[in-house]
C-alpha cells in the first residue's frame, strides 16, 4: 500500500525512511522459499510512503546458492529487501512506482540501514538486471542506468567468477553424491520389500536447486 501525499503511515512521512520500531518479524510459509510478514512497517521515500502489511510474502535477498558465501540472504539489508519485495510484488504491478524507482529505493534504504557502499551498489545492479529480464516494464529507464550497471557488474564478475565456478562445481558434485546414496538406498529398499524382511522407510528424492 502506498500513499502519494505527506500523511504519515505508521509514524513516518515522505522522506522519513523506515517507521520507528520497524523490525524483521516473519513466519515460515510451509515448504515455500517465501516467508510471511508478521509485523507491519512503513517506509517514507522521496515522494511516497509505502506500507508493508502483515500477510505479505518475501524471500529476503534473492541470492543464488553460488553467491550466498559472498552475499548472504540475511543481513543489514534484510528490512530493505523485504521492502523491495513489496515494491516489486505489490506497488510496481499496480503502477504506483516503476521498477527502476523501486530498485533505487532499495539502494537508498540500504544506505540508511548502514549497508556498505560496494554491497548496496552490487545488489542494486543485480536487481536492475533482474527487472530488465524478468519484469514487464522493467526495461523502463534501463538505458540511463546501463553505464552504472556495467561499471558495477563487469569488475564484480571478474573478481567472483573463479569462486563462482568452484562453488558451482562443488554443488554439482555434492548433488551427484546425494543421487548415488539415493540409488543405493532405493535398490536396498526394493530388495527388502522383495523378501519382506523388514519395514521400509520413505526416501527423500534429492533436488538440485540454484536457489535456497
C-alpha atoms as a PDB file:
ATOM      1  CA  UNK A   1       0.000   0.000   0.000  1.00  0.00           C
ATOM      2  CA  UNK A   2       1.319   3.430  -0.903  1.00  0.00           C
ATOM      3  CA  UNK A   3       0.414   6.971  -0.043  1.00  0.00           C
ATOM      4  CA  UNK A   4       1.228   9.709  -2.508  1.00  0.00           C
ATOM      5  CA  UNK A   5       0.758  12.504  -0.001  1.00  0.00           C
ATOM      6  CA  UNK A   6       2.522  13.577   3.165  1.00  0.00           C
ATOM      7  CA  UNK A   7       0.113  11.915   5.603  1.00  0.00           C
ATOM      8  CA  UNK A   8       2.168   9.700   7.930  1.00  0.00           C
ATOM      9  CA  UNK A   9       1.728   5.919   7.841  1.00  0.00           C
ATOM     10  CA  UNK A  10       2.825   4.006  10.943  1.00  0.00           C
ATOM     11  CA  UNK A  11       4.555   7.119  12.188  1.00  0.00           C
ATOM     12  CA  UNK A  12       6.589   8.018   9.103  1.00  0.00           C
ATOM     13  CA  UNK A  13       6.051  10.571   6.336  1.00  0.00           C
ATOM     14  CA  UNK A  14       7.635  11.279   2.968  1.00  0.00           C
ATOM     15  CA  UNK A  15      11.430  11.218   3.211  1.00  0.00           C
ATOM     16  CA  UNK A  16      11.317   9.713   6.686  1.00  0.00           C
ATOM     17  CA  UNK A  17      12.877   6.347   5.953  1.00  0.00           C
ATOM     18  CA  UNK A  18      11.699   3.344   7.936  1.00  0.00           C
ATOM     19  CA  UNK A  19       8.977   3.764  10.527  1.00  0.00           C
ATOM     20  CA  UNK A  20      10.045   3.854  14.188  1.00  0.00           C
ATOM     21  CA  UNK A  21      10.459   0.385  15.597  1.00  0.00           C
ATOM     22  CA  UNK A  22      10.447  -1.295  12.164  1.00  0.00           C
ATOM     23  CA  UNK A  23      11.746  -4.830  12.555  1.00  0.00           C
ATOM     24  CA  UNK A  24      12.002  -8.127  10.742  1.00  0.00           C
ATOM     25  CA  UNK A  25       9.333 -10.464  12.123  1.00  0.00           C
ATOM     26  CA  UNK A  26       8.356 -13.297   9.809  1.00  0.00           C
ATOM     27  CA  UNK A  27       6.861 -16.776   9.827  1.00  0.00           C
ATOM     28  CA  UNK A  28       7.853 -19.715   7.656  1.00  0.00           C
ATOM     29  CA  UNK A  29       5.483 -20.360   4.769  1.00  0.00           C
ATOM     30  CA  UNK A  30       5.471 -24.159   4.831  1.00  0.00           C
ATOM     31  CA  UNK A  31       7.965 -25.601   2.371  1.00  0.00           C
ATOM     32  CA  UNK A  32       7.949 -22.448   0.270  1.00  0.00           C
ATOM     33  CA  UNK A  33      11.105 -20.325  -0.116  1.00  0.00           C
ATOM     34  CA  UNK A  34       8.955 -17.389   0.983  1.00  0.00           C
ATOM     35  CA  UNK A  35       8.321 -16.108   4.486  1.00  0.00           C
ATOM     36  CA  UNK A  36       5.203 -14.330   5.743  1.00  0.00           C
ATOM     37  CA  UNK A  37       5.494 -10.831   7.249  1.00  0.00           C
ATOM     38  CA  UNK A  38       4.086 -10.771  10.795  1.00  0.00           C
ATOM     39  CA  UNK A  39       4.869  -7.184  11.801  1.00  0.00           C
ATOM     40  CA  UNK A  40       3.893  -4.235   9.550  1.00  0.00           C
ATOM     41  CA  UNK A  41       6.253  -1.360   8.835  1.00  0.00           C
ATOM     42  CA  UNK A  42       6.328   1.663   6.571  1.00  0.00           C
ATOM     43  CA  UNK A  43       8.979   3.420   4.549  1.00  0.00           C
ATOM     44  CA  UNK A  44       8.974   7.074   3.572  1.00  0.00           C
ATOM     45  CA  UNK A  45      10.612   7.512   0.180  1.00  0.00           C
ATOM     46  CA  UNK A  46      11.323  10.719  -1.693  1.00  0.00           C
ATOM     47  CA  UNK A  47       7.736  11.155  -2.894  1.00  0.00           C
ATOM     48  CA  UNK A  48       5.661   8.345  -1.375  1.00  0.00           C
ATOM     49  CA  UNK A  49       5.149   6.378   1.796  1.00  0.00           C
ATOM     50  CA  UNK A  50       4.885   2.605   1.408  1.00  0.00           C
ATOM     51  CA  UNK A  51       3.366   0.211   3.918  1.00  0.00           C
ATOM     52  CA  UNK A  52       4.355  -3.446   4.130  1.00  0.00           C
ATOM     53  CA  UNK A  53       1.378  -5.224   5.647  1.00  0.00           C
ATOM     54  CA  UNK A  54       1.011  -8.374   7.718  1.00  0.00           C
ATOM     55  CA  UNK A  55       0.499 -11.385   5.466  1.00  0.00           C
ATOM     56  CA  UNK A  56       2.732 -10.246   2.610  1.00  0.00           C
ATOM     57  CA  UNK A  57       5.412 -12.647   1.409  1.00  0.00           C
ATOM     58  CA  UNK A  58       9.148 -12.195   0.999  1.00  0.00           C
ATOM     59  CA  UNK A  59      12.146 -14.328   0.112  1.00  0.00           C
ATOM     60  CA  UNK A  60      14.546 -11.752   1.583  1.00  0.00           C
ATOM     61  CA  UNK A  61      17.545 -11.136  -0.685  1.00  0.00           C
ATOM     62  CA  UNK A  62      17.157 -13.370  -3.745  1.00  0.00           C
ATOM     63  CA  UNK A  63      20.752 -14.573  -3.890  1.00  0.00           C
ATOM     64  CA  UNK A  64      21.677 -17.713  -5.907  1.00  0.00           C
ATOM     65  CA  UNK A  65      23.303 -20.531  -3.956  1.00  0.00           C
ATOM     66  CA  UNK A  66      26.621 -19.988  -5.757  1.00  0.00           C
ATOM     67  CA  UNK A  67      26.790 -16.493  -4.258  1.00  0.00           C
ATOM     68  CA  UNK A  68      25.486 -16.862  -0.694  1.00  0.00           C
ATOM     69  CA  UNK A  69      29.070 -17.080   0.570  1.00  0.00           C
ATOM     70  CA  UNK A  70      29.581 -13.563  -0.794  1.00  0.00           C
ATOM     71  CA  UNK A  71      26.122 -12.059  -0.196  1.00  0.00           C
ATOM     72  CA  UNK A  72      24.156 -13.920   2.479  1.00  0.00           C
ATOM     73  CA  UNK A  73      20.376 -13.787   2.120  1.00  0.00           C
ATOM     74  CA  UNK A  74      20.138 -12.077   5.528  1.00  0.00           C
ATOM     75  CA  UNK A  75      21.997  -9.110   6.946  1.00  0.00           C
ATOM     76  CA  UNK A  76      21.735  -5.367   7.454  1.00  0.00           C
ATOM     77  CA  UNK A  77      19.823  -5.292   4.168  1.00  0.00           C
ATOM     78  CA  UNK A  78      17.044  -7.684   5.249  1.00  0.00           C
ATOM     79  CA  UNK A  79      14.478  -4.968   6.012  1.00  0.00           C
ATOM     80  CA  UNK A  80      15.226  -3.129   2.729  1.00  0.00           C
ATOM     81  CA  UNK A  81      14.974  -6.488   0.907  1.00  0.00           C
ATOM     82  CA  UNK A  82      11.502  -7.098   2.358  1.00  0.00           C
ATOM     83  CA  UNK A  83      10.539  -3.564   1.314  1.00  0.00           C
ATOM     84  CA  UNK A  84      11.883  -4.245  -2.189  1.00  0.00           C
ATOM     85  CA  UNK A  85       9.809  -7.435  -2.460  1.00  0.00           C
ATOM     86  CA  UNK A  86       6.757  -5.351  -1.549  1.00  0.00           C
ATOM     87  CA  UNK A  87       7.591  -2.770  -4.195  1.00  0.00           C
ATOM     88  CA  UNK A  88       8.130  -5.421  -6.882  1.00  0.00           C
ATOM     89  CA  UNK A  89       5.165  -7.602  -5.976  1.00  0.00           C
ATOM     90  CA  UNK A  90       2.565  -5.003  -4.967  1.00  0.00           C
ATOM     91  CA  UNK A  91       3.380  -1.411  -5.879  1.00  0.00           C
ATOM     92  CA  UNK A  92       5.057  -1.772  -9.304  1.00  0.00           C
ATOM     93  CA  UNK A  93       2.421  -4.141 -10.790  1.00  0.00           C
ATOM     94  CA  UNK A  94      -0.237  -1.675  -9.630  1.00  0.00           C
ATOM     95  CA  UNK A  95       1.577   1.173 -11.405  1.00  0.00           C
ATOM     96  CA  UNK A  96       2.282   3.136  -8.222  1.00  0.00           C
ATOM     97  CA  UNK A  97       6.053   3.019  -8.743  1.00  0.00           C
ATOM     98  CA  UNK A  98       8.344   1.997 -11.583  1.00  0.00           C
ATOM     99  CA  UNK A  99      10.731  -0.935 -11.211  1.00  0.00           C
ATOM    100  CA  UNK A 100      13.590   1.477 -11.741  1.00  0.00           C
ATOM    101  CA  UNK A 101      12.454   3.623  -8.816  1.00  0.00           C
ATOM    102  CA  UNK A 102      11.793   0.506  -6.735  1.00  0.00           C
ATOM    103  CA  UNK A 103      15.396  -0.593  -7.272  1.00  0.00           C
ATOM    104  CA  UNK A 104      16.681   2.881  -6.445  1.00  0.00           C
ATOM    105  CA  UNK A 105      14.566   2.839  -3.274  1.00  0.00           C
ATOM    106  CA  UNK A 106      16.249  -0.417  -2.262  1.00  0.00           C
ATOM    107  CA  UNK A 107      19.673   1.199  -2.624  1.00  0.00           C
ATOM    108  CA  UNK A 108      18.579   4.257  -0.651  1.00  0.00           C
ATOM    109  CA  UNK A 109      17.057   2.125   2.116  1.00  0.00           C
ATOM    110  CA  UNK A 110      20.236   0.048   2.361  1.00  0.00           C
ATOM    111  CA  UNK A 111      22.319   3.193   2.742  1.00  0.00           C
ATOM    112  CA  UNK A 112      20.058   4.322   5.570  1.00  0.00           C
ATOM    113  CA  UNK A 113      20.471   0.928   7.265  1.00  0.00           C
ATOM    114  CA  UNK A 114      24.264   1.177   7.164  1.00  0.00           C
ATOM    115  CA  UNK A 115      24.957  -1.245   4.317  1.00  0.00           C
ATOM    116  CA  UNK A 116      28.456  -0.593   2.881  1.00  0.00           C
ATOM    117  CA  UNK A 117      28.819   1.238  -0.435  1.00  0.00           C
ATOM    118  CA  UNK A 118      30.044  -1.663  -2.599  1.00  0.00           C
ATOM    119  CA  UNK A 119      27.457  -4.115  -1.246  1.00  0.00           C
ATOM    120  CA  UNK A 120      24.487  -1.885  -1.912  1.00  0.00           C
ATOM    121  CA  UNK A 121      25.614  -0.990  -5.431  1.00  0.00           C
ATOM    122  CA  UNK A 122      26.241  -4.653  -6.296  1.00  0.00           C
ATOM    123  CA  UNK A 123      22.776  -5.556  -5.024  1.00  0.00           C
ATOM    124  CA  UNK A 124      21.269  -2.634  -6.912  1.00  0.00           C
ATOM    125  CA  UNK A 125      22.918  -3.761 -10.160  1.00  0.00           C
ATOM    126  CA  UNK A 126      21.682  -7.319  -9.577  1.00  0.00           C
ATOM    127  CA  UNK A 127      18.049  -6.279  -9.139  1.00  0.00           C
ATOM    128  CA  UNK A 128      18.273  -3.902 -12.109  1.00  0.00           C
ATOM    129  CA  UNK A 129      19.409  -6.764 -14.358  1.00  0.00           C
ATOM    130  CA  UNK A 130      16.656  -8.959 -12.906  1.00  0.00           C
ATOM    131  CA  UNK A 131      13.988  -6.341 -13.541  1.00  0.00           C
ATOM    132  CA  UNK A 132      15.172  -5.808 -17.114  1.00  0.00           C
ATOM    133  CA  UNK A 133      14.960  -9.516 -17.977  1.00  0.00           C
ATOM    134  CA  UNK A 134      12.107 -10.779 -15.799  1.00  0.00           C
ATOM    135  CA  UNK A 135       9.641  -7.954 -15.172  1.00  0.00           C
ATOM    136  CA  UNK A 136       7.132  -6.434 -17.549  1.00  0.00           C
ATOM    137  CA  UNK A 137       8.013  -2.741 -17.640  1.00  0.00           C
ATOM    138  CA  UNK A 138      11.400  -3.446 -16.082  1.00  0.00           C
ATOM    139  CA  UNK A 139      13.279  -2.110 -19.096  1.00  0.00           C
ATOM    140  CA  UNK A 140      11.986   1.406 -18.488  1.00  0.00           C
ATOM    141  CA  UNK A 141      14.960   3.627 -17.662  1.00  0.00           C
ATOM    142  CA  UNK A 142      17.442   0.861 -18.429  1.00  0.00           C
ATOM    143  CA  UNK A 143      19.352   2.924 -20.999  1.00  0.00           C
ATOM    144  CA  UNK A 144      20.104   5.616 -18.451  1.00  0.00           C
ATOM    145  CA  UNK A 145      21.172   3.059 -15.843  1.00  0.00           C
ATOM    146  CA  UNK A 146      23.185   0.848 -18.199  1.00  0.00           C
ATOM    147  CA  UNK A 147      26.580   2.591 -17.744  1.00  0.00           C
ATOM    148  CA  UNK A 148      26.336   2.265 -13.956  1.00  0.00           C
ATOM    149  CA  UNK A 149      25.082  -1.322 -14.223  1.00  0.00           C
ATOM    150  CA  UNK A 150      28.040  -2.308 -16.400  1.00  0.00           C
ATOM    151  CA  UNK A 151      30.507  -0.354 -14.257  1.00  0.00           C
ATOM    152  CA  UNK A 152      29.407  -2.376 -11.232  1.00  0.00           C
ATOM    153  CA  UNK A 153      28.801  -5.736 -12.913  1.00  0.00           C
ATOM    154  CA  UNK A 154      31.935  -6.216 -15.033  1.00  0.00           C
ATOM    155  CA  UNK A 155      34.588  -5.826 -12.301  1.00  0.00           C
ATOM    156  CA  UNK A 156      32.412  -7.724  -9.807  1.00  0.00           C
ATOM    157  CA  UNK A 157      32.135 -10.726 -12.125  1.00  0.00           C
ATOM    158  CA  UNK A 158      35.832 -10.534 -12.972  1.00  0.00           C
ATOM    159  CA  UNK A 159      36.654 -10.966  -9.284  1.00  0.00           C
ATOM    160  CA  UNK A 160      33.944 -13.501  -8.415  1.00  0.00           C
ATOM    161  CA  UNK A 161      33.793 -15.816 -11.448  1.00  0.00           C
ATOM    162  CA  UNK A 162      36.614 -18.187 -10.342  1.00  0.00           C
ATOM    163  CA  UNK A 163      34.955 -18.677  -6.957  1.00  0.00           C
ATOM    164  CA  UNK A 164      31.507 -18.998  -8.549  1.00  0.00           C
ATOM    165  CA  UNK A 165      32.813 -21.747 -10.843  1.00  0.00           C
ATOM    166  CA  UNK A 166      34.386 -23.606  -7.914  1.00  0.00           C
ATOM    167  CA  UNK A 167      31.267 -23.344  -5.748  1.00  0.00           C
ATOM    168  CA  UNK A 168      29.051 -24.376  -8.670  1.00  0.00           C
ATOM    169  CA  UNK A 169      31.224 -27.429  -9.322  1.00  0.00           C
ATOM    170  CA  UNK A 170      31.120 -28.327  -5.622  1.00  0.00           C
ATOM    171  CA  UNK A 171      27.316 -28.114  -5.613  1.00  0.00           C
ATOM    172  CA  UNK A 172      27.152 -30.416  -8.655  1.00  0.00           C
ATOM    173  CA  UNK A 173      29.500 -32.946  -7.056  1.00  0.00           C
ATOM    174  CA  UNK A 174      27.505 -32.850  -3.825  1.00  0.00           C
ATOM    175  CA  UNK A 175      24.290 -33.386  -5.760  1.00  0.00           C
ATOM    176  CA  UNK A 176      25.891 -36.330  -7.571  1.00  0.00           C
ATOM    177  CA  UNK A 177      26.870 -37.918  -4.250  1.00  0.00           C
ATOM    178  CA  UNK A 178      23.308 -37.445  -2.974  1.00  0.00           C
ATOM    179  CA  UNK A 179      21.969 -39.251  -6.044  1.00  0.00           C
ATOM    180  CA  UNK A 180      24.432 -42.125  -5.575  1.00  0.00           C
ATOM    181  CA  UNK A 181      23.297 -42.618  -1.977  1.00  0.00           C
ATOM    182  CA  UNK A 182      19.661 -42.348  -3.090  1.00  0.00           C
ATOM    183  CA  UNK A 183      20.197 -45.020  -5.768  1.00  0.00           C
ATOM    184  CA  UNK A 184      21.868 -47.392  -3.288  1.00  0.00           C
ATOM    185  CA  UNK A 185      19.106 -46.893  -0.709  1.00  0.00           C
ATOM    186  CA  UNK A 186      16.416 -47.262  -3.373  1.00  0.00           C
ATOM    187  CA  UNK A 187      17.854 -50.599  -4.519  1.00  0.00           C
ATOM    188  CA  UNK A 188      18.215 -51.736  -0.921  1.00  0.00           C
ATOM    189  CA  UNK A 189      14.619 -50.812  -0.175  1.00  0.00           C
ATOM    190  CA  UNK A 190      13.481 -52.784  -3.220  1.00  0.00           C
ATOM    191  CA  UNK A 191      15.385 -55.858  -2.061  1.00  0.00           C
ATOM    192  CA  UNK A 192      13.917 -55.651   1.437  1.00  0.00           C
ATOM    193  CA  UNK A 193      10.434 -55.288   0.021  1.00  0.00           C
ATOM    194  CA  UNK A 194      11.025 -58.281  -2.234  1.00  0.00           C
ATOM    195  CA  UNK A 195      11.948 -60.543   0.667  1.00  0.00           C
ATOM    196  CA  UNK A 196       9.695 -58.790   3.191  1.00  0.00           C
ATOM    197  CA  UNK A 197      12.359 -58.954   5.881  1.00  0.00           C
ATOM    198  CA  UNK A 198      11.688 -55.561   7.463  1.00  0.00           C
ATOM    199  CA  UNK A 199       9.556 -52.445   7.042  1.00  0.00           C
ATOM    200  CA  UNK A 200      10.904 -49.862   4.624  1.00  0.00           C
ATOM    201  CA  UNK A 201      11.238 -46.154   5.164  1.00  0.00           C
ATOM    202  CA  UNK A 202      10.319 -43.454   2.676  1.00  0.00           C
ATOM    203  CA  UNK A 203      13.210 -41.990   0.685  1.00  0.00           C
ATOM    204  CA  UNK A 204      13.641 -38.284   0.061  1.00  0.00           C
ATOM    205  CA  UNK A 205      14.432 -37.665  -3.597  1.00  0.00           C
ATOM    206  CA  UNK A 206      17.437 -35.306  -3.974  1.00  0.00           C
ATOM    207  CA  UNK A 207      16.670 -31.951  -5.531  1.00  0.00           C
ATOM    208  CA  UNK A 208      19.101 -29.773  -7.424  1.00  0.00           C
ATOM    209  CA  UNK A 209      18.338 -26.095  -6.932  1.00  0.00           C
ATOM    210  CA  UNK A 210      20.414 -22.989  -7.554  1.00  0.00           C
ATOM    211  CA  UNK A 211      18.278 -21.090  -5.044  1.00  0.00           C
ATOM    212  CA  UNK A 212      17.999 -21.682  -1.319  1.00  0.00           C
END
